[in-house]
C-alpha atoms as a PDB file:
ATOM      1  CA  UNK A   1      34.826 140.834 136.212  1.00  0.00           C
ATOM      2  CA  UNK A   2      35.755 140.592 132.537  1.00  0.00           C
ATOM      3  CA  UNK A   3      33.231 139.038 130.145  1.00  0.00           C
ATOM      4  CA  UNK A   4      35.791 136.452 129.108  1.00  0.00           C
ATOM      5  CA  UNK A   5      38.735 134.962 131.011  1.00  0.00           C
ATOM      6  CA  UNK A   6      42.071 136.431 129.961  1.00  0.00           C
ATOM      7  CA  UNK A   7      44.434 133.690 128.689  1.00  0.00           C
ATOM      8  CA  UNK A   8      47.552 133.538 130.836  1.00  0.00           C
ATOM      9  CA  UNK A   9      50.943 134.441 129.384  1.00  0.00           C
ATOM     10  CA  UNK A  10      53.066 131.460 128.383  1.00  0.00           C
ATOM     11  CA  UNK A  11      56.793 130.920 128.813  1.00  0.00           C
ATOM     12  CA  UNK A  12      57.370 128.907 125.618  1.00  0.00           C
ATOM     13  CA  UNK A  13      56.671 129.617 121.894  1.00  0.00           C
ATOM     14  CA  UNK A  14      53.932 127.031 121.358  1.00  0.00           C
ATOM     15  CA  UNK A  15      52.003 128.237 124.395  1.00  0.00           C
ATOM     16  CA  UNK A  16      52.370 131.892 123.447  1.00  0.00           C
ATOM     17  CA  UNK A  17      51.236 131.203 119.891  1.00  0.00           C
ATOM     18  CA  UNK A  18      48.220 129.290 121.151  1.00  0.00           C
ATOM     19  CA  UNK A  19      47.407 132.235 123.452  1.00  0.00           C
ATOM     20  CA  UNK A  20      47.335 134.523 120.397  1.00  0.00           C
ATOM     21  CA  UNK A  21      45.010 132.104 118.590  1.00  0.00           C
ATOM     22  CA  UNK A  22      42.679 132.016 121.594  1.00  0.00           C
ATOM     23  CA  UNK A  23      42.596 135.802 121.978  1.00  0.00           C
ATOM     24  CA  UNK A  24      41.954 136.356 118.280  1.00  0.00           C
ATOM     25  CA  UNK A  25      39.212 133.715 118.175  1.00  0.00           C
ATOM     26  CA  UNK A  26      37.467 135.489 121.036  1.00  0.00           C
ATOM     27  CA  UNK A  27      37.810 138.902 119.420  1.00  0.00           C
ATOM     28  CA  UNK A  28      36.552 137.610 116.088  1.00  0.00           C
ATOM     29  CA  UNK A  29      33.350 136.317 117.655  1.00  0.00           C
ATOM     30  CA  UNK A  30      32.767 139.009 120.299  1.00  0.00           C
ATOM     31  CA  UNK A  31      34.269 142.363 119.245  1.00  0.00           C
ATOM     32  CA  UNK A  32      32.113 144.463 116.834  1.00  0.00           C
ATOM     33  CA  UNK A  33      35.176 145.808 114.997  1.00  0.00           C
ATOM     34  CA  UNK A  34      36.946 142.474 114.642  1.00  0.00           C
ATOM     35  CA  UNK A  35      33.744 140.769 113.486  1.00  0.00           C
ATOM     36  CA  UNK A  36      33.448 143.187 110.538  1.00  0.00           C
ATOM     37  CA  UNK A  37      36.965 142.762 109.186  1.00  0.00           C
ATOM     38  CA  UNK A  38      37.729 141.076 105.868  1.00  0.00           C
ATOM     39  CA  UNK A  39      41.003 140.347 104.107  1.00  0.00           C
ATOM     40  CA  UNK A  40      40.420 143.465 102.005  1.00  0.00           C
ATOM     41  CA  UNK A  41      39.852 145.754 105.011  1.00  0.00           C
ATOM     42  CA  UNK A  42      42.939 144.368 106.753  1.00  0.00           C
ATOM     43  CA  UNK A  43      45.174 144.740 103.707  1.00  0.00           C
ATOM     44  CA  UNK A  44      46.009 148.449 104.044  1.00  0.00           C
ATOM     45  CA  UNK A  45      46.488 148.040 107.805  1.00  0.00           C
ATOM     46  CA  UNK A  46      48.966 145.224 107.203  1.00  0.00           C
ATOM     47  CA  UNK A  47      50.908 147.413 104.795  1.00  0.00           C
ATOM     48  CA  UNK A  48      51.009 150.147 107.442  1.00  0.00           C
ATOM     49  CA  UNK A  49      52.231 147.708 110.107  1.00  0.00           C
ATOM     50  CA  UNK A  50      54.949 146.445 107.777  1.00  0.00           C
ATOM     51  CA  UNK A  51      56.229 149.962 107.206  1.00  0.00           C
ATOM     52  CA  UNK A  52      56.174 150.625 110.944  1.00  0.00           C
ATOM     53  CA  UNK A  53      58.289 147.508 111.438  1.00  0.00           C
ATOM     54  CA  UNK A  54      60.643 148.740 108.723  1.00  0.00           C
ATOM     55  CA  UNK A  55      60.983 152.117 110.465  1.00  0.00           C
ATOM     56  CA  UNK A  56      61.778 150.436 113.787  1.00  0.00           C
ATOM     57  CA  UNK A  57      64.463 148.300 112.119  1.00  0.00           C
ATOM     58  CA  UNK A  58      66.116 151.330 110.527  1.00  0.00           C
ATOM     59  CA  UNK A  59      66.027 153.133 113.881  1.00  0.00           C
ATOM     60  CA  UNK A  60      67.593 150.095 115.569  1.00  0.00           C
ATOM     61  CA  UNK A  61      64.883 150.217 118.252  1.00  0.00           C
ATOM     62  CA  UNK A  62      64.699 146.594 119.435  1.00  0.00           C
ATOM     63  CA  UNK A  63      61.804 147.151 121.802  1.00  0.00           C
ATOM     64  CA  UNK A  64      59.769 148.766 119.017  1.00  0.00           C
ATOM     65  CA  UNK A  65      60.767 145.968 116.626  1.00  0.00           C
ATOM     66  CA  UNK A  66      59.393 143.446 119.123  1.00  0.00           C
ATOM     67  CA  UNK A  67      56.068 145.285 119.320  1.00  0.00           C
ATOM     68  CA  UNK A  68      55.739 145.687 115.557  1.00  0.00           C
ATOM     69  CA  UNK A  69      56.547 142.003 114.994  1.00  0.00           C
ATOM     70  CA  UNK A  70      53.658 141.204 117.310  1.00  0.00           C
ATOM     71  CA  UNK A  71      51.332 143.403 115.246  1.00  0.00           C
ATOM     72  CA  UNK A  72      52.411 141.720 112.007  1.00  0.00           C
ATOM     73  CA  UNK A  73      52.028 138.275 113.595  1.00  0.00           C
ATOM     74  CA  UNK A  74      48.519 139.164 114.720  1.00  0.00           C
ATOM     75  CA  UNK A  75      47.601 140.130 111.156  1.00  0.00           C
ATOM     76  CA  UNK A  76      48.890 136.834 109.771  1.00  0.00           C
ATOM     77  CA  UNK A  77      46.802 134.903 112.276  1.00  0.00           C
ATOM     78  CA  UNK A  78      43.788 137.127 111.534  1.00  0.00           C
ATOM     79  CA  UNK A  79      43.912 136.363 107.788  1.00  0.00           C
ATOM     80  CA  UNK A  80      44.096 132.650 108.561  1.00  0.00           C
ATOM     81  CA  UNK A  81      41.150 132.910 110.977  1.00  0.00           C
ATOM     82  CA  UNK A  82      39.031 134.634 108.327  1.00  0.00           C
ATOM     83  CA  UNK A  83      39.933 131.989 105.717  1.00  0.00           C
ATOM     84  CA  UNK A  84      39.050 129.164 108.109  1.00  0.00           C
ATOM     85  CA  UNK A  85      35.465 130.454 108.305  1.00  0.00           C
ATOM     86  CA  UNK A  86      34.901 129.349 104.699  1.00  0.00           C
ATOM     87  CA  UNK A  87      37.126 126.267 104.992  1.00  0.00           C
ATOM     88  CA  UNK A  88      39.592 127.811 102.508  1.00  0.00           C
ATOM     89  CA  UNK A  89      42.545 127.163 104.837  1.00  0.00           C
ATOM     90  CA  UNK A  90      43.539 127.613 108.455  1.00  0.00           C
ATOM     91  CA  UNK A  91      46.637 128.554 110.416  1.00  0.00           C
ATOM     92  CA  UNK A  92      47.787 124.926 110.537  1.00  0.00           C
ATOM     93  CA  UNK A  93      47.686 124.779 106.722  1.00  0.00           C
ATOM     94  CA  UNK A  94      49.660 128.024 106.539  1.00  0.00           C
ATOM     95  CA  UNK A  95      52.384 126.848 108.916  1.00  0.00           C
ATOM     96  CA  UNK A  96      52.700 123.388 107.368  1.00  0.00           C
ATOM     97  CA  UNK A  97      52.773 124.954 103.908  1.00  0.00           C
ATOM     98  CA  UNK A  98      55.673 127.276 104.674  1.00  0.00           C
ATOM     99  CA  UNK A  99      57.574 124.460 106.418  1.00  0.00           C
ATOM    100  CA  UNK A 100      57.120 122.194 103.386  1.00  0.00           C
ATOM    101  CA  UNK A 101      58.325 124.984 101.100  1.00  0.00           C
ATOM    102  CA  UNK A 102      61.430 125.661 103.204  1.00  0.00           C
ATOM    103  CA  UNK A 103      62.328 121.985 103.314  1.00  0.00           C
ATOM    104  CA  UNK A 104      61.852 121.638  99.550  1.00  0.00           C
ATOM    105  CA  UNK A 105      63.913 124.737  98.762  1.00  0.00           C
ATOM    106  CA  UNK A 106      66.821 123.738 101.008  1.00  0.00           C
ATOM    107  CA  UNK A 107      67.956 120.433  99.474  1.00  0.00           C
ATOM    108  CA  UNK A 108      71.481 121.173 100.743  1.00  0.00           C
ATOM    109  CA  UNK A 109      70.081 120.814 104.279  1.00  0.00           C
ATOM    110  CA  UNK A 110      67.273 118.272 103.886  1.00  0.00           C
ATOM    111  CA  UNK A 111      68.673 116.421 100.869  1.00  0.00           C
ATOM    112  CA  UNK A 112      71.946 115.398  99.259  1.00  0.00           C
ATOM    113  CA  UNK A 113      72.633 118.564  97.233  1.00  0.00           C
ATOM    114  CA  UNK A 114      75.995 120.218  97.926  1.00  0.00           C
ATOM    115  CA  UNK A 115      76.585 123.971  97.882  1.00  0.00           C
ATOM    116  CA  UNK A 116      79.727 126.028  98.203  1.00  0.00           C
ATOM    117  CA  UNK A 117      78.336 129.417  99.161  1.00  0.00           C
ATOM    118  CA  UNK A 118      75.340 131.727  99.425  1.00  0.00           C
ATOM    119  CA  UNK A 119      75.211 132.220  95.661  1.00  0.00           C
ATOM    120  CA  UNK A 120      74.715 128.491  95.114  1.00  0.00           C
ATOM    121  CA  UNK A 121      71.824 128.563  97.579  1.00  0.00           C
ATOM    122  CA  UNK A 122      70.137 131.467  95.748  1.00  0.00           C
ATOM    123  CA  UNK A 123      70.646 129.798  92.375  1.00  0.00           C
ATOM    124  CA  UNK A 124      69.096 126.541  93.603  1.00  0.00           C
ATOM    125  CA  UNK A 125      66.206 128.480  95.138  1.00  0.00           C
ATOM    126  CA  UNK A 126      65.267 130.087  91.810  1.00  0.00           C
ATOM    127  CA  UNK A 127      65.619 126.833  89.883  1.00  0.00           C
ATOM    128  CA  UNK A 128      63.373 125.024  92.368  1.00  0.00           C
ATOM    129  CA  UNK A 129      60.744 127.768  92.085  1.00  0.00           C
ATOM    130  CA  UNK A 130      60.667 127.283  88.313  1.00  0.00           C
ATOM    131  CA  UNK A 131      60.177 123.544  88.800  1.00  0.00           C
ATOM    132  CA  UNK A 132      57.314 124.313  91.193  1.00  0.00           C
ATOM    133  CA  UNK A 133      55.451 126.027  88.360  1.00  0.00           C
ATOM    134  CA  UNK A 134      56.684 129.624  88.196  1.00  0.00           C
ATOM    135  CA  UNK A 135      56.673 130.641  84.523  1.00  0.00           C
ATOM    136  CA  UNK A 136      59.405 133.236  84.997  1.00  0.00           C
ATOM    137  CA  UNK A 137      62.229 133.903  87.428  1.00  0.00           C
ATOM    138  CA  UNK A 138      60.740 137.380  87.840  1.00  0.00           C
ATOM    139  CA  UNK A 139      57.182 136.139  88.440  1.00  0.00           C
ATOM    140  CA  UNK A 140      57.679 136.301  92.192  1.00  0.00           C
ATOM    141  CA  UNK A 141      58.316 140.059  92.213  1.00  0.00           C
ATOM    142  CA  UNK A 142      55.066 141.760  93.353  1.00  0.00           C
ATOM    143  CA  UNK A 143      53.794 144.296  90.829  1.00  0.00           C
ATOM    144  CA  UNK A 144      52.792 146.708  93.616  1.00  0.00           C
ATOM    145  CA  UNK A 145      56.267 146.924  95.168  1.00  0.00           C
ATOM    146  CA  UNK A 146      57.741 150.441  95.310  1.00  0.00           C
ATOM    147  CA  UNK A 147      59.886 150.950  92.201  1.00  0.00           C
ATOM    148  CA  UNK A 148      63.185 151.198  94.088  1.00  0.00           C
ATOM    149  CA  UNK A 149      62.616 147.942  95.965  1.00  0.00           C
ATOM    150  CA  UNK A 150      61.274 146.267  92.820  1.00  0.00           C
ATOM    151  CA  UNK A 151      64.396 147.166  90.823  1.00  0.00           C
ATOM    152  CA  UNK A 152      66.596 145.661  93.503  1.00  0.00           C
ATOM    153  CA  UNK A 153      64.556 142.448  93.655  1.00  0.00           C
ATOM    154  CA  UNK A 154      64.502 142.103  89.856  1.00  0.00           C
ATOM    155  CA  UNK A 155      68.283 142.349  89.740  1.00  0.00           C
ATOM    156  CA  UNK A 156      68.756 139.884  92.589  1.00  0.00           C
ATOM    157  CA  UNK A 157      66.501 137.326  90.935  1.00  0.00           C
ATOM    158  CA  UNK A 158      68.211 137.699  87.551  1.00  0.00           C
ATOM    159  CA  UNK A 159      71.530 137.193  89.307  1.00  0.00           C
ATOM    160  CA  UNK A 160      70.174 133.988  90.823  1.00  0.00           C
ATOM    161  CA  UNK A 161      70.170 132.349  87.383  1.00  0.00           C
ATOM    162  CA  UNK A 162      73.518 133.785  86.296  1.00  0.00           C
ATOM    163  CA  UNK A 163      72.327 136.885  84.388  1.00  0.00           C
ATOM    164  CA  UNK A 164      74.643 139.492  85.867  1.00  0.00           C
ATOM    165  CA  UNK A 165      77.773 141.567  85.376  1.00  0.00           C
ATOM    166  CA  UNK A 166      81.098 139.970  86.193  1.00  0.00           C
ATOM    167  CA  UNK A 167      82.475 142.735  88.416  1.00  0.00           C
ATOM    168  CA  UNK A 168      81.534 146.122  89.839  1.00  0.00           C
ATOM    169  CA  UNK A 169      83.806 148.051  87.450  1.00  0.00           C
ATOM    170  CA  UNK A 170      81.613 147.001  84.538  1.00  0.00           C
ATOM    171  CA  UNK A 171      78.559 148.177  86.452  1.00  0.00           C
ATOM    172  CA  UNK A 172      80.116 151.551  87.205  1.00  0.00           C
ATOM    173  CA  UNK A 173      80.941 152.002  83.523  1.00  0.00           C
ATOM    174  CA  UNK A 174      77.252 151.411  82.837  1.00  0.00           C
ATOM    175  CA  UNK A 175      76.330 154.034  85.453  1.00  0.00           C
ATOM    176  CA  UNK A 176      78.577 156.594  83.747  1.00  0.00           C
ATOM    177  CA  UNK A 177      77.178 155.668  80.332  1.00  0.00           C
ATOM    178  CA  UNK A 178      73.601 156.162  81.542  1.00  0.00           C
ATOM    179  CA  UNK A 179      74.496 159.464  83.204  1.00  0.00           C
ATOM    180  CA  UNK A 180      75.928 160.761  79.927  1.00  0.00           C
ATOM    181  CA  UNK A 181      72.831 159.679  78.013  1.00  0.00           C
ATOM    182  CA  UNK A 182      70.613 161.432  80.562  1.00  0.00           C
ATOM    183  CA  UNK A 183      72.750 164.571  80.416  1.00  0.00           C
ATOM    184  CA  UNK A 184      72.622 164.573  76.608  1.00  0.00           C
ATOM    185  CA  UNK A 185      68.850 164.941  76.734  1.00  0.00           C
ATOM    186  CA  UNK A 186      69.299 168.411  78.274  1.00  0.00           C
ATOM    187  CA  UNK A 187      72.420 169.466  76.376  1.00  0.00           C
ATOM    188  CA  UNK A 188      70.437 171.413  73.788  1.00  0.00           C
ATOM    189  CA  UNK A 189      70.229 175.076  72.846  1.00  0.00           C
ATOM    190  CA  UNK A 190      66.453 175.211  72.644  1.00  0.00           C
ATOM    191  CA  UNK A 191      65.182 173.861  75.965  1.00  0.00           C
ATOM    192  CA  UNK A 192      61.616 173.868  74.674  1.00  0.00           C
ATOM    193  CA  UNK A 193      62.694 170.997  72.426  1.00  0.00           C
ATOM    194  CA  UNK A 194      63.544 168.696  75.343  1.00  0.00           C
ATOM    195  CA  UNK A 195      61.744 165.382  75.070  1.00  0.00           C
ATOM    196  CA  UNK A 196      60.565 164.903  78.678  1.00  0.00           C
ATOM    197  CA  UNK A 197      59.367 161.365  78.042  1.00  0.00           C
ATOM    198  CA  UNK A 198      62.787 160.376  76.669  1.00  0.00           C
ATOM    199  CA  UNK A 199      64.547 162.188  79.531  1.00  0.00           C
ATOM    200  CA  UNK A 200      62.380 160.348  82.056  1.00  0.00           C
ATOM    201  CA  UNK A 201      63.322 157.043  80.442  1.00  0.00           C
ATOM    202  CA  UNK A 202      67.026 157.898  80.627  1.00  0.00           C
ATOM    203  CA  UNK A 203      66.662 158.963  84.268  1.00  0.00           C
ATOM    204  CA  UNK A 204      65.064 155.603  85.021  1.00  0.00           C
ATOM    205  CA  UNK A 205      68.079 153.915  83.426  1.00  0.00           C
ATOM    206  CA  UNK A 206      70.402 155.969  85.659  1.00  0.00           C
ATOM    207  CA  UNK A 207      68.553 154.885  88.788  1.00  0.00           C
ATOM    208  CA  UNK A 208      68.425 151.236  87.704  1.00  0.00           C
ATOM    209  CA  UNK A 209      72.174 151.179  87.044  1.00  0.00           C
ATOM    210  CA  UNK A 210      72.936 152.874  90.388  1.00  0.00           C
ATOM    211  CA  UNK A 211      70.808 150.293  92.193  1.00  0.00           C
ATOM    212  CA  UNK A 212      72.763 147.615  90.349  1.00  0.00           C
ATOM    213  CA  UNK A 213      76.053 149.103  91.525  1.00  0.00           C
ATOM    214  CA  UNK A 214      74.787 149.377  95.093  1.00  0.00           C
ATOM    215  CA  UNK A 215      73.971 145.669  94.993  1.00  0.00           C
ATOM    216  CA  UNK A 216      77.525 144.858  93.902  1.00  0.00           C
ATOM    217  CA  UNK A 217      79.009 146.706  96.869  1.00  0.00           C
ATOM    218  CA  UNK A 218      76.455 145.270  99.336  1.00  0.00           C
ATOM    219  CA  UNK A 219      74.477 148.452  99.917  1.00  0.00           C
ATOM    220  CA  UNK A 220      70.705 148.161 100.224  1.00  0.00           C
ATOM    221  CA  UNK A 221      69.471 151.108  98.117  1.00  0.00           C
ATOM    222  CA  UNK A 222      66.109 151.321  99.882  1.00  0.00           C
ATOM    223  CA  UNK A 223      67.750 151.514 103.308  1.00  0.00           C
ATOM    224  CA  UNK A 224      70.344 153.992 102.053  1.00  0.00           C
ATOM    225  CA  UNK A 225      67.746 156.357 100.597  1.00  0.00           C
ATOM    226  CA  UNK A 226      65.468 156.119 103.634  1.00  0.00           C
ATOM    227  CA  UNK A 227      68.373 156.941 105.970  1.00  0.00           C
ATOM    228  CA  UNK A 228      69.107 159.981 103.824  1.00  0.00           C
ATOM    229  CA  UNK A 229      65.417 160.959 103.993  1.00  0.00           C
ATOM    230  CA  UNK A 230      65.501 160.754 107.787  1.00  0.00           C
ATOM    231  CA  UNK A 231      68.732 162.734 107.910  1.00  0.00           C
ATOM    232  CA  UNK A 232      67.251 165.485 105.740  1.00  0.00           C
ATOM    233  CA  UNK A 233      64.082 165.620 107.857  1.00  0.00           C
ATOM    234  CA  UNK A 234      66.075 166.024 111.084  1.00  0.00           C
ATOM    235  CA  UNK A 235      68.245 168.778 109.624  1.00  0.00           C
ATOM    236  CA  UNK A 236      65.289 170.610 108.094  1.00  0.00           C
ATOM    237  CA  UNK A 237      63.330 170.457 111.346  1.00  0.00           C
ATOM    238  CA  UNK A 238      66.380 171.862 113.161  1.00  0.00           C
ATOM    239  CA  UNK A 239      66.376 174.688 110.631  1.00  0.00           C
ATOM    240  CA  UNK A 240      62.678 175.340 111.302  1.00  0.00           C
ATOM    241  CA  UNK A 241      63.200 175.339 115.075  1.00  0.00           C
ATOM    242  CA  UNK A 242      66.112 177.764 114.926  1.00  0.00           C
ATOM    243  CA  UNK A 243      64.253 180.106 112.608  1.00  0.00           C
ATOM    244  CA  UNK A 244      61.279 180.088 114.964  1.00  0.00           C
ATOM    245  CA  UNK A 245      63.529 180.774 117.973  1.00  0.00           C
ATOM    246  CA  UNK A 246      64.800 183.868 116.171  1.00  0.00           C
ATOM    247  CA  UNK A 247      61.325 185.014 115.197  1.00  0.00           C
ATOM    248  CA  UNK A 248      61.818 184.355 111.497  1.00  0.00           C
ATOM    249  CA  UNK A 249      59.732 182.559 108.884  1.00  0.00           C
ATOM    250  CA  UNK A 250      61.577 180.320 106.452  1.00  0.00           C
ATOM    251  CA  UNK A 251      59.750 181.889 103.509  1.00  0.00           C
ATOM    252  CA  UNK A 252      61.232 185.284 104.433  1.00  0.00           C
ATOM    253  CA  UNK A 253      64.823 184.065 104.868  1.00  0.00           C
ATOM    254  CA  UNK A 254      67.508 183.992 102.210  1.00  0.00           C
ATOM    255  CA  UNK A 255      69.258 180.773 101.286  1.00  0.00           C
ATOM    256  CA  UNK A 256      72.438 182.134 102.856  1.00  0.00           C
ATOM    257  CA  UNK A 257      70.633 182.650 106.174  1.00  0.00           C
ATOM    258  CA  UNK A 258      69.128 179.180 106.053  1.00  0.00           C
ATOM    259  CA  UNK A 259      72.509 177.653 105.217  1.00  0.00           C
ATOM    260  CA  UNK A 260      73.873 178.885 108.555  1.00  0.00           C
ATOM    261  CA  UNK A 261      71.375 176.756 110.488  1.00  0.00           C
ATOM    262  CA  UNK A 262      71.672 173.908 107.997  1.00  0.00           C
ATOM    263  CA  UNK A 263      75.428 173.693 108.572  1.00  0.00           C
ATOM    264  CA  UNK A 264      74.833 173.752 112.330  1.00  0.00           C
ATOM    265  CA  UNK A 265      72.483 170.808 111.938  1.00  0.00           C
ATOM    266  CA  UNK A 266      75.087 168.909 109.909  1.00  0.00           C
ATOM    267  CA  UNK A 267      77.620 169.355 112.724  1.00  0.00           C
ATOM    268  CA  UNK A 268      75.116 167.963 115.212  1.00  0.00           C
END
């Protein structure tokens, strides 16, 4: 017999959520590992779970997405459980807080504000956040975000208050301008005179402008790059497998030999 009764599965959201609360309360008081956890020890695990969810979304694996959502949900409840032990807040405070925020930031649904499109909604959202006390439109962008994601979020938020290019052609002209400036840093006779710090700055400008252009044509740059990463990994692993099948080591092969397998992988 188990030490504690196992809460039965529920067939409706409220019951299922309450089951999670019950299970986590039991684990927090009875399991040696769960009893030791703090917000700080959970933090890196939450980041890992979020990336696993992201991977599942990019793979389009709905069953895996469901499982990873459960892991993330468990973490959110865990943080709230820990906070409740010092009366800082509890899960009810968390849920009511996010509901209040959503109602307040959707005056076109819960008020008398009229909007014409998605852009109006985003613009209202940023203006409301400033009224709530944010000192800057960009204050809500986490400093620890990966640079590529951060650049995209910065641009989206600036757009929300009207600071943006008028059309994608202007953005592409900026991309070409930044590319030329980056190229100019290396267009010198004496390559020992290259200013790496300046070149790095220009390269950053190239990336920022490309991310801007991607936004204008509705491409998520983070997703695009990660899909390319996955594609490269699959092709490279095919190359490794084929080399091994033929008793060869990649380090001993010429680029021409490797290209044969690489092109096979591309066809696959």
